[in-house]
All heavy atoms as atom14 arrays in JSON, in Angstrom:
{
  "sequence": "VKILRGLGFSRCRLSLAVPKEAHCTGLDWFEGKKIATSYPEILKRF",
  "atom14_mask": [
    [1, 1, 1, 1, 1, 1, 1, 0, 0, 0, 0, 0, 0, 0],
    [1, 1, 1, 1, 1, 1, 1, 1, 1, 0, 0, 0, 0, 0],
    [1, 1, 1, 1, 1, 1, 1, 1, 0, 0, 0, 0, 0, 0],
    [1, 1, 1, 1, 1, 1, 1, 1, 0, 0, 0, 0, 0, 0],
    [1, 1, 1, 1, 1, 1, 1, 1, 1, 1, 1, 0, 0, 0],
    [1, 1, 1, 1, 0, 0, 0, 0, 0, 0, 0, 0, 0, 0],
    [1, 1, 1, 1, 1, 1, 1, 1, 0, 0, 0, 0, 0, 0],
    [1, 1, 1, 1, 0, 0, 0, 0, 0, 0, 0, 0, 0, 0],
    [1, 1, 1, 1, 1, 1, 1, 1, 1, 1, 1, 0, 0, 0],
    [1, 1, 1, 1, 1, 1, 0, 0, 0, 0, 0, 0, 0, 0],
    [1, 1, 1, 1, 1, 1, 1, 1, 1, 1, 1, 0, 0, 0],
    [1, 1, 1, 1, 1, 1, 0, 0, 0, 0, 0, 0, 0, 0],
    [1, 1, 1, 1, 1, 1, 1, 1, 1, 1, 1, 0, 0, 0],
    [1, 1, 1, 1, 1, 1, 1, 1, 0, 0, 0, 0, 0, 0],
    [1, 1, 1, 1, 1, 1, 0, 0, 0, 0, 0, 0, 0, 0],
    [1, 1, 1, 1, 1, 1, 1, 1, 0, 0, 0, 0, 0, 0],
    [1, 1, 1, 1, 1, 0, 0, 0, 0, 0, 0, 0, 0, 0],
    [1, 1, 1, 1, 1, 1, 1, 0, 0, 0, 0, 0, 0, 0],
    [1, 1, 1, 1, 1, 1, 1, 0, 0, 0, 0, 0, 0, 0],
    [1, 1, 1, 1, 1, 1, 1, 1, 1, 0, 0, 0, 0, 0],
    [1, 1, 1, 1, 1, 1, 1, 1, 1, 0, 0, 0, 0, 0],
    [1, 1, 1, 1, 1, 0, 0, 0, 0, 0, 0, 0, 0, 0],
    [1, 1, 1, 1, 1, 1, 1, 1, 1, 1, 0, 0, 0, 0],
    [1, 1, 1, 1, 1, 1, 0, 0, 0, 0, 0, 0, 0, 0],
    [1, 1, 1, 1, 1, 1, 1, 0, 0, 0, 0, 0, 0, 0],
    [1, 1, 1, 1, 0, 0, 0, 0, 0, 0, 0, 0, 0, 0],
    [1, 1, 1, 1, 1, 1, 1, 1, 0, 0, 0, 0, 0, 0],
    [1, 1, 1, 1, 1, 1, 1, 1, 0, 0, 0, 0, 0, 0],
    [1, 1, 1, 1, 1, 1, 1, 1, 1, 1, 1, 1, 1, 1],
    [1, 1, 1, 1, 1, 1, 1, 1, 1, 1, 1, 0, 0, 0],
    [1, 1, 1, 1, 1, 1, 1, 1, 1, 0, 0, 0, 0, 0],
    [1, 1, 1, 1, 0, 0, 0, 0, 0, 0, 0, 0, 0, 0],
    [1, 1, 1, 1, 1, 1, 1, 1, 1, 0, 0, 0, 0, 0],
    [1, 1, 1, 1, 1, 1, 1, 1, 1, 0, 0, 0, 0, 0],
    [1, 1, 1, 1, 1, 1, 1, 1, 0, 0, 0, 0, 0, 0],
    [1, 1, 1, 1, 1, 0, 0, 0, 0, 0, 0, 0, 0, 0],
    [1, 1, 1, 1, 1, 1, 1, 0, 0, 0, 0, 0, 0, 0],
    [1, 1, 1, 1, 1, 1, 0, 0, 0, 0, 0, 0, 0, 0],
    [1, 1, 1, 1, 1, 1, 1, 1, 1, 1, 1, 1, 0, 0],
    [1, 1, 1, 1, 1, 1, 1, 0, 0, 0, 0, 0, 0, 0],
    [1, 1, 1, 1, 1, 1, 1, 1, 1, 0, 0, 0, 0, 0],
    [1, 1, 1, 1, 1, 1, 1, 1, 0, 0, 0, 0, 0, 0],
    [1, 1, 1, 1, 1, 1, 1, 1, 0, 0, 0, 0, 0, 0],
    [1, 1, 1, 1, 1, 1, 1, 1, 1, 0, 0, 0, 0, 0],
    [1, 1, 1, 1, 1, 1, 1, 1, 1, 1, 1, 0, 0, 0],
    [1, 1, 1, 1, 1, 1, 1, 1, 1, 1, 1, 0, 0, 0]
  ],
  "atom14_positions": [
    [[205.42, 63.3, -223.19], [206.44, 62.34, -223.59], [206.13, 61.94, -225.04], [205.04, 62.29, -225.58], [206.4, 61.07, -222.72], [206.78, 61.46, -221.25], [205.04, 60.43, -222.71], [0.0, 0.0, 0.0], [0.0, 0.0, 0.0], [0.0, 0.0, 0.0], [0.0, 0.0, 0.0], [0.0, 0.0, 0.0], [0.0, 0.0, 0.0], [0.0, 0.0, 0.0]],
    [[207.04, 61.25, -225.66], [206.89, 60.87, -227.04], [207.01, 59.36, -227.19], [207.71, 58.72, -226.43], [207.87, 61.55, -227.97], [209.33, 61.32, -227.58], [210.27, 62.17, -228.41], [211.71, 62.02, -227.93], [212.64, 62.93, -228.64], [0.0, 0.0, 0.0], [0.0, 0.0, 0.0], [0.0, 0.0, 0.0], [0.0, 0.0, 0.0], [0.0, 0.0, 0.0]],
    [[206.34, 58.78, -228.19], [206.42, 57.35, -228.48], [207.59, 57.14, -229.45], [207.63, 57.72, -230.52], [205.14, 56.81, -229.08], [204.0, 56.85, -228.05], [205.35, 55.36, -229.57], [202.68, 56.35, -228.59], [0.0, 0.0, 0.0], [0.0, 0.0, 0.0], [0.0, 0.0, 0.0], [0.0, 0.0, 0.0], [0.0, 0.0, 0.0], [0.0, 0.0, 0.0]],
    [[208.52, 56.27, -229.05], [209.67, 55.94, -229.91], [209.37, 54.74, -230.82], [209.8, 54.72, -231.98], [210.93, 55.69, -229.09], [211.45, 56.83, -228.23], [212.7, 56.39, -227.44], [211.83, 58.04, -229.12], [0.0, 0.0, 0.0], [0.0, 0.0, 0.0], [0.0, 0.0, 0.0], [0.0, 0.0, 0.0], [0.0, 0.0, 0.0], [0.0, 0.0, 0.0]],
    [[208.77, 53.76, -230.26], [208.49, 52.53, -230.96], [207.2, 51.86, -230.46], [206.95, 51.84, -229.25], [209.65, 51.47, -230.76], [210.96, 51.86, -231.33], [211.02, 51.73, -232.83], [212.36, 51.91, -233.35], [212.98, 53.07, -233.5], [212.37, 54.21, -233.12], [214.21, 53.13, -233.99], [0.0, 0.0, 0.0], [0.0, 0.0, 0.0], [0.0, 0.0, 0.0]],
    [[206.46, 51.27, -231.38], [205.46, 50.3, -230.99], [206.18, 48.95, -230.87], [207.01, 48.63, -231.74], [0.0, 0.0, 0.0], [0.0, 0.0, 0.0], [0.0, 0.0, 0.0], [0.0, 0.0, 0.0], [0.0, 0.0, 0.0], [0.0, 0.0, 0.0], [0.0, 0.0, 0.0], [0.0, 0.0, 0.0], [0.0, 0.0, 0.0], [0.0, 0.0, 0.0]],
    [[205.93, 48.21, -229.8], [206.72, 47.02, -229.56], [206.03, 45.7, -229.98], [206.69, 44.65, -229.93], [207.12, 46.96, -228.1], [207.9, 48.16, -227.58], [208.22, 48.07, -226.11], [209.28, 48.26, -228.38], [0.0, 0.0, 0.0], [0.0, 0.0, 0.0], [0.0, 0.0, 0.0], [0.0, 0.0, 0.0], [0.0, 0.0, 0.0], [0.0, 0.0, 0.0]],
    [[204.75, 45.8, -230.35], [204.12, 44.64, -230.93], [203.61, 43.57, -229.98], [203.04, 42.57, -230.41], [0.0, 0.0, 0.0], [0.0, 0.0, 0.0], [0.0, 0.0, 0.0], [0.0, 0.0, 0.0], [0.0, 0.0, 0.0], [0.0, 0.0, 0.0], [0.0, 0.0, 0.0], [0.0, 0.0, 0.0], [0.0, 0.0, 0.0], [0.0, 0.0, 0.0]],
    [[203.84, 43.74, -228.66], [203.33, 42.76, -227.71], [202.33, 43.39, -226.72], [202.14, 44.6, -226.77], [204.47, 42.03, -226.96], [205.43, 42.92, -226.26], [205.11, 43.56, -225.04], [206.68, 43.19, -226.77], [206.01, 44.36, -224.38], [207.64, 43.99, -226.13], [207.27, 44.57, -224.92], [0.0, 0.0, 0.0], [0.0, 0.0, 0.0], [0.0, 0.0, 0.0]],
    [[201.72, 42.58, -225.88], [200.69, 43.03, -224.97], [199.57, 43.81, -225.72], [199.12, 44.88, -225.32], [201.28, 43.94, -223.87], [202.18, 43.23, -223.05], [0.0, 0.0, 0.0], [0.0, 0.0, 0.0], [0.0, 0.0, 0.0], [0.0, 0.0, 0.0], [0.0, 0.0, 0.0], [0.0, 0.0, 0.0], [0.0, 0.0, 0.0], [0.0, 0.0, 0.0]],
    [[199.12, 43.25, -226.81], [198.08, 43.87, -227.63], [196.74, 43.71, -226.93], [196.41, 42.67, -226.37], [198.04, 43.22, -229.02], [199.27, 43.53, -229.86], [199.07, 42.99, -231.24], [200.25, 43.18, -232.07], [200.54, 44.29, -232.78], [199.71, 45.31, -232.72], [201.63, 44.35, -233.51], [0.0, 0.0, 0.0], [0.0, 0.0, 0.0], [0.0, 0.0, 0.0]],
    [[195.93, 44.74, -227.04], [194.55, 44.71, -226.53], [193.82, 45.84, -227.22], [194.36, 46.51, -228.1], [194.55, 44.89, -224.99], [195.21, 46.45, -224.4], [0.0, 0.0, 0.0], [0.0, 0.0, 0.0], [0.0, 0.0, 0.0], [0.0, 0.0, 0.0], [0.0, 0.0, 0.0], [0.0, 0.0, 0.0], [0.0, 0.0, 0.0], [0.0, 0.0, 0.0]],
    [[192.59, 46.11, -226.81], [191.82, 47.21, -227.35], [190.96, 47.83, -226.21], [190.64, 47.14, -225.24], [190.91, 46.74, -228.5], [190.01, 45.6, -228.14], [189.45, 44.95, -229.41], [188.52, 43.87, -229.1], [188.89, 42.62, -228.89], [190.18, 42.27, -228.91], [188.0, 41.69, -228.63], [0.0, 0.0, 0.0], [0.0, 0.0, 0.0], [0.0, 0.0, 0.0]],
    [[190.62, 49.1, -226.39], [189.69, 49.73, -225.46], [188.36, 49.81, -226.18], [188.25, 50.39, -227.29], [190.17, 51.13, -225.14], [191.32, 51.2, -224.08], [191.81, 52.61, -223.97], [190.79, 50.74, -222.75], [0.0, 0.0, 0.0], [0.0, 0.0, 0.0], [0.0, 0.0, 0.0], [0.0, 0.0, 0.0], [0.0, 0.0, 0.0], [0.0, 0.0, 0.0]],
    [[187.34, 49.24, -225.54], [186.04, 49.09, -226.21], [184.9, 49.54, -225.28], [185.0, 49.43, -224.06], [185.83, 47.67, -226.64], [186.71, 47.28, -227.62], [0.0, 0.0, 0.0], [0.0, 0.0, 0.0], [0.0, 0.0, 0.0], [0.0, 0.0, 0.0], [0.0, 0.0, 0.0], [0.0, 0.0, 0.0], [0.0, 0.0, 0.0], [0.0, 0.0, 0.0]],
    [[183.85, 50.01, -225.92], [182.56, 50.18, -225.21], [181.86, 48.84, -225.23], [181.83, 48.13, -226.28], [181.7, 51.22, -225.93], [182.21, 52.69, -225.76], [181.58, 53.57, -226.83], [181.78, 53.19, -224.36], [0.0, 0.0, 0.0], [0.0, 0.0, 0.0], [0.0, 0.0, 0.0], [0.0, 0.0, 0.0], [0.0, 0.0, 0.0], [0.0, 0.0, 0.0]],
    [[181.27, 48.46, -224.1], [180.56, 47.21, -224.01], [179.26, 47.43, -223.28], [179.14, 48.26, -222.4], [181.39, 46.12, -223.33], [0.0, 0.0, 0.0], [0.0, 0.0, 0.0], [0.0, 0.0, 0.0], [0.0, 0.0, 0.0], [0.0, 0.0, 0.0], [0.0, 0.0, 0.0], [0.0, 0.0, 0.0], [0.0, 0.0, 0.0], [0.0, 0.0, 0.0]],
    [[178.23, 46.63, -223.63], [176.91, 46.79, -223.06], [176.37, 45.39, -222.7], [176.86, 44.4, -223.21], [175.94, 47.44, -224.08], [176.48, 48.84, -224.48], [175.72, 46.58, -225.3], [0.0, 0.0, 0.0], [0.0, 0.0, 0.0], [0.0, 0.0, 0.0], [0.0, 0.0, 0.0], [0.0, 0.0, 0.0], [0.0, 0.0, 0.0], [0.0, 0.0, 0.0]],
    [[175.36, 45.35, -221.85], [174.73, 44.06, -221.53], [174.15, 43.46, -222.83], [173.66, 44.16, -223.72], [173.64, 44.46, -220.53], [174.12, 45.69, -219.9], [174.83, 46.44, -221.0], [0.0, 0.0, 0.0], [0.0, 0.0, 0.0], [0.0, 0.0, 0.0], [0.0, 0.0, 0.0], [0.0, 0.0, 0.0], [0.0, 0.0, 0.0], [0.0, 0.0, 0.0]],
    [[174.16, 42.1, -222.92], [173.65, 41.42, -224.1], [172.22, 41.8, -224.42], [171.81, 41.92, -225.57], [173.79, 39.92, -223.93], [175.2, 39.39, -223.98], [175.25, 37.89, -223.77], [176.67, 37.38, -223.8], [176.78, 35.94, -223.63], [0.0, 0.0, 0.0], [0.0, 0.0, 0.0], [0.0, 0.0, 0.0], [0.0, 0.0, 0.0], [0.0, 0.0, 0.0]],
    [[171.43, 42.01, -223.38], [170.0, 42.29, -223.53], [169.74, 43.75, -223.92], [168.58, 44.11, -224.16], [169.19, 41.93, -222.31], [169.57, 42.73, -221.07], [170.72, 42.1, -220.28], [171.41, 41.25, -220.8], [170.95, 42.54, -219.13], [0.0, 0.0, 0.0], [0.0, 0.0, 0.0], [0.0, 0.0, 0.0], [0.0, 0.0, 0.0], [0.0, 0.0, 0.0]],
    [[170.77, 44.58, -224.02], [170.57, 45.99, -224.29], [170.15, 46.28, -225.73], [169.61, 47.34, -226.02], [171.82, 46.79, -223.94], [0.0, 0.0, 0.0], [0.0, 0.0, 0.0], [0.0, 0.0, 0.0], [0.0, 0.0, 0.0], [0.0, 0.0, 0.0], [0.0, 0.0, 0.0], [0.0, 0.0, 0.0], [0.0, 0.0, 0.0], [0.0, 0.0, 0.0]],
    [[170.5, 45.36, -226.63], [170.16, 45.54, -228.05], [170.7, 46.85, -228.61], [169.96, 47.62, -229.25], [168.64, 45.46, -228.27], [168.04, 44.17, -227.75], [168.36, 42.94, -228.27], [167.13, 43.94, -226.78], [167.72, 42.02, -227.61], [166.94, 42.58, -226.69], [0.0, 0.0, 0.0], [0.0, 0.0, 0.0], [0.0, 0.0, 0.0], [0.0, 0.0, 0.0]],
    [[171.96, 47.14, -228.35], [172.64, 48.34, -228.85], [172.83, 48.2, -230.35], [173.46, 47.24, -230.82], [173.96, 48.5, -228.13], [174.95, 49.86, -228.74], [0.0, 0.0, 0.0], [0.0, 0.0, 0.0], [0.0, 0.0, 0.0], [0.0, 0.0, 0.0], [0.0, 0.0, 0.0], [0.0, 0.0, 0.0], [0.0, 0.0, 0.0], [0.0, 0.0, 0.0]],
    [[172.34, 49.2, -231.07], [172.41, 49.14, -232.55], [173.41, 50.17, -233.11], [173.6, 50.22, -234.32], [171.06, 49.36, -233.17], [170.54, 50.63, -232.7], [170.1, 48.23, -232.78], [0.0, 0.0, 0.0], [0.0, 0.0, 0.0], [0.0, 0.0, 0.0], [0.0, 0.0, 0.0], [0.0, 0.0, 0.0], [0.0, 0.0, 0.0], [0.0, 0.0, 0.0]],
    [[174.03, 50.93, -232.26], [174.97, 51.94, -232.75], [175.37, 52.93, -231.64], [174.88, 52.81, -230.49], [0.0, 0.0, 0.0], [0.0, 0.0, 0.0], [0.0, 0.0, 0.0], [0.0, 0.0, 0.0], [0.0, 0.0, 0.0], [0.0, 0.0, 0.0], [0.0, 0.0, 0.0], [0.0, 0.0, 0.0], [0.0, 0.0, 0.0], [0.0, 0.0, 0.0]],
    [[176.23, 53.89, -231.95], [176.7, 54.8, -230.97], [175.63, 55.71, -230.38], [175.74, 56.2, -229.25], [177.84, 55.66, -231.55], [179.12, 54.91, -231.9], [180.16, 55.89, -232.52], [179.77, 54.29, -230.63], [0.0, 0.0, 0.0], [0.0, 0.0, 0.0], [0.0, 0.0, 0.0], [0.0, 0.0, 0.0], [0.0, 0.0, 0.0], [0.0, 0.0, 0.0]],
    [[174.54, 55.92, -231.11], [173.44, 56.75, -230.62], [172.83, 56.14, -229.33], [172.25, 56.92, -228.55], [172.32, 56.87, -231.66], [172.77, 57.75, -232.86], [173.79, 58.45, -232.68], [172.14, 57.69, -233.91], [0.0, 0.0, 0.0], [0.0, 0.0, 0.0], [0.0, 0.0, 0.0], [0.0, 0.0, 0.0], [0.0, 0.0, 0.0], [0.0, 0.0, 0.0]],
    [[173.0, 54.88, -229.15], [172.44, 54.23, -227.94], [173.03, 54.83, -226.68], [172.4, 54.82, -225.63], [172.74, 52.71, -228.01], [172.13, 51.91, -226.89], [170.93, 51.28, -226.87], [172.77, 51.64, -225.64], [170.77, 50.63, -225.66], [171.9, 50.82, -224.87], [174.02, 51.93, -225.06], [172.22, 50.36, -223.62], [174.32, 51.45, -223.8], [173.42, 50.7, -223.06]],
    [[174.28, 55.27, -226.76], [175.01, 55.75, -225.57], [174.6, 57.15, -225.13], [174.97, 57.61, -224.09], [176.48, 55.69, -225.81], [177.02, 54.31, -225.93], [177.17, 53.66, -227.17], [177.37, 53.57, -224.8], [177.62, 52.41, -227.29], [177.85, 52.26, -224.89], [177.97, 51.68, -226.15], [0.0, 0.0, 0.0], [0.0, 0.0, 0.0], [0.0, 0.0, 0.0]],
    [[173.78, 57.81, -225.97], [173.32, 59.19, -225.6], [172.55, 59.12, -224.32], [171.56, 58.4, -224.16], [172.45, 59.73, -226.71], [171.94, 61.15, -226.47], [173.04, 62.16, -226.61], [174.04, 61.97, -227.33], [172.94, 63.26, -225.96], [0.0, 0.0, 0.0], [0.0, 0.0, 0.0], [0.0, 0.0, 0.0], [0.0, 0.0, 0.0], [0.0, 0.0, 0.0]],
    [[173.04, 59.92, -223.3], [172.35, 60.02, -222.01], [172.59, 58.83, -221.08], [172.07, 58.79, -219.98], [0.0, 0.0, 0.0], [0.0, 0.0, 0.0], [0.0, 0.0, 0.0], [0.0, 0.0, 0.0], [0.0, 0.0, 0.0], [0.0, 0.0, 0.0], [0.0, 0.0, 0.0], [0.0, 0.0, 0.0], [0.0, 0.0, 0.0], [0.0, 0.0, 0.0]],
    [[173.39, 57.9, -221.48], [173.65, 56.71, -220.64], [174.8, 56.97, -219.69], [175.63, 57.89, -219.85], [174.01, 55.5, -221.52], [172.88, 55.07, -222.47], [171.7, 54.52, -221.71], [170.74, 53.77, -222.64], [170.19, 54.56, -223.71], [0.0, 0.0, 0.0], [0.0, 0.0, 0.0], [0.0, 0.0, 0.0], [0.0, 0.0, 0.0], [0.0, 0.0, 0.0]],
    [[174.89, 56.14, -218.64], [175.98, 56.19, -217.69], [177.02, 55.11, -218.07], [176.66, 53.95, -218.19], [175.5, 55.97, -216.25], [176.63, 56.08, -215.2], [176.08, 55.8, -213.78], [175.26, 56.97, -213.32], [174.86, 56.8, -211.89], [0.0, 0.0, 0.0], [0.0, 0.0, 0.0], [0.0, 0.0, 0.0], [0.0, 0.0, 0.0], [0.0, 0.0, 0.0]],
    [[178.28, 55.5, -218.24], [179.35, 54.59, -218.67], [180.42, 54.54, -217.58], [180.96, 55.55, -217.23], [179.92, 55.03, -220.02], [178.83, 55.26, -221.06], [180.95, 53.99, -220.51], [179.35, 55.88, -222.34], [0.0, 0.0, 0.0], [0.0, 0.0, 0.0], [0.0, 0.0, 0.0], [0.0, 0.0, 0.0], [0.0, 0.0, 0.0], [0.0, 0.0, 0.0]],
    [[180.7, 53.34, -217.09], [181.75, 53.17, -216.09], [183.08, 52.82, -216.78], [183.14, 52.05, -217.75], [181.39, 52.04, -215.16], [0.0, 0.0, 0.0], [0.0, 0.0, 0.0], [0.0, 0.0, 0.0], [0.0, 0.0, 0.0], [0.0, 0.0, 0.0], [0.0, 0.0, 0.0], [0.0, 0.0, 0.0], [0.0, 0.0, 0.0], [0.0, 0.0, 0.0]],
    [[184.16, 53.44, -216.28], [185.47, 53.23, -216.92], [186.6, 53.57, -216.03], [186.45, 54.39, -215.08], [185.61, 54.06, -218.21], [186.85, 53.74, -218.88], [185.56, 55.56, -217.92], [0.0, 0.0, 0.0], [0.0, 0.0, 0.0], [0.0, 0.0, 0.0], [0.0, 0.0, 0.0], [0.0, 0.0, 0.0], [0.0, 0.0, 0.0], [0.0, 0.0, 0.0]],
    [[187.78, 53.02, -216.29], [189.02, 53.44, -215.63], [189.83, 54.34, -216.57], [190.95, 54.71, -216.21], [189.85, 52.2, -215.26], [189.16, 51.38, -214.35], [0.0, 0.0, 0.0], [0.0, 0.0, 0.0], [0.0, 0.0, 0.0], [0.0, 0.0, 0.0], [0.0, 0.0, 0.0], [0.0, 0.0, 0.0], [0.0, 0.0, 0.0], [0.0, 0.0, 0.0]],
    [[189.28, 54.63, -217.73], [190.0, 55.46, -218.76], [189.05, 56.68, -219.13], [188.64, 56.74, -220.28], [190.37, 54.62, -219.94], [191.34, 53.55, -219.61], [190.86, 52.26, -219.27], [192.68, 53.79, -219.57], [191.76, 51.28, -218.94], [193.58, 52.77, -219.26], [193.1, 51.5, -218.92], [193.99, 50.52, -218.57], [0.0, 0.0, 0.0], [0.0, 0.0, 0.0]],
    [[188.78, 57.56, -218.19], [187.81, 58.62, -218.45], [188.27, 59.61, -219.53], [187.47, 60.12, -220.28], [187.66, 59.3, -217.09], [188.93, 58.97, -216.37], [189.28, 57.61, -216.79], [0.0, 0.0, 0.0], [0.0, 0.0, 0.0], [0.0, 0.0, 0.0], [0.0, 0.0, 0.0], [0.0, 0.0, 0.0], [0.0, 0.0, 0.0], [0.0, 0.0, 0.0]],
    [[189.58, 59.9, -219.58], [190.03, 60.92, -220.53], [189.91, 60.45, -221.98], [189.46, 61.19, -222.84], [191.5, 61.34, -220.22], [191.69, 61.95, -218.83], [190.76, 63.1, -218.61], [190.58, 63.95, -219.49], [190.18, 63.18, -217.49], [0.0, 0.0, 0.0], [0.0, 0.0, 0.0], [0.0, 0.0, 0.0], [0.0, 0.0, 0.0], [0.0, 0.0, 0.0]],
    [[190.29, 59.19, -222.26], [190.14, 58.66, -223.6], [188.67, 58.62, -223.98], [188.27, 58.99, -225.08], [190.77, 57.25, -223.69], [192.28, 57.31, -223.42], [190.49, 56.64, -225.07], [192.94, 55.95, -223.37], [0.0, 0.0, 0.0], [0.0, 0.0, 0.0], [0.0, 0.0, 0.0], [0.0, 0.0, 0.0], [0.0, 0.0, 0.0], [0.0, 0.0, 0.0]],
    [[187.83, 58.18, -223.04], [186.41, 58.08, -223.28], [185.76, 59.46, -223.54], [185.0, 59.61, -224.49], [185.68, 57.38, -222.13], [184.19, 57.25, -222.26], [183.78, 56.53, -223.52], [183.62, 56.57, -221.0], [0.0, 0.0, 0.0], [0.0, 0.0, 0.0], [0.0, 0.0, 0.0], [0.0, 0.0, 0.0], [0.0, 0.0, 0.0], [0.0, 0.0, 0.0]],
    [[186.15, 60.44, -222.72], [185.57, 61.79, -222.9], [185.95, 62.36, -224.3], [185.1, 62.98, -224.93], [186.08, 62.74, -221.78], [185.44, 62.44, -220.43], [186.05, 63.31, -219.36], [185.54, 62.96, -217.99], [186.21, 63.76, -216.93], [0.0, 0.0, 0.0], [0.0, 0.0, 0.0], [0.0, 0.0, 0.0], [0.0, 0.0, 0.0], [0.0, 0.0, 0.0]],
    [[187.18, 62.13, -224.72], [187.6, 62.63, -226.03], [186.79, 61.96, -227.12], [186.39, 62.6, -228.1], [189.11, 62.42, -226.22], [189.97, 63.32, -225.37], [191.42, 63.32, -225.84], [192.07, 62.02, -225.71], [192.79, 61.68, -224.62], [192.9, 62.47, -223.59], [193.38, 60.52, -224.57], [0.0, 0.0, 0.0], [0.0, 0.0, 0.0], [0.0, 0.0, 0.0]],
    [[186.59, 60.67, -226.98], [185.85, 59.9, -227.99], [184.39, 60.38, -228.07], [183.83, 60.62, -229.14], [185.88, 58.41, -227.69], [185.07, 57.59, -228.58], [185.5, 57.28, -229.88], [183.8, 57.11, -228.17], [184.73, 56.5, -230.72], [183.02, 56.3, -229.05], [183.48, 56.02, -230.32], [0.0, 0.0, 0.0], [0.0, 0.0, 0.0], [0.0, 0.0, 0.0]]
  ]
}
């Protein structure tokens, strides 16, 4: 399918999040980690 218009409402973002105590300093932290998600295809591509 194709996108005809962005409609400007229902804005949000898809983000990686970690426990506060994890002290994540960058994307390298996720190497070898287990990540739970409902959006596996977007995550795998990233």
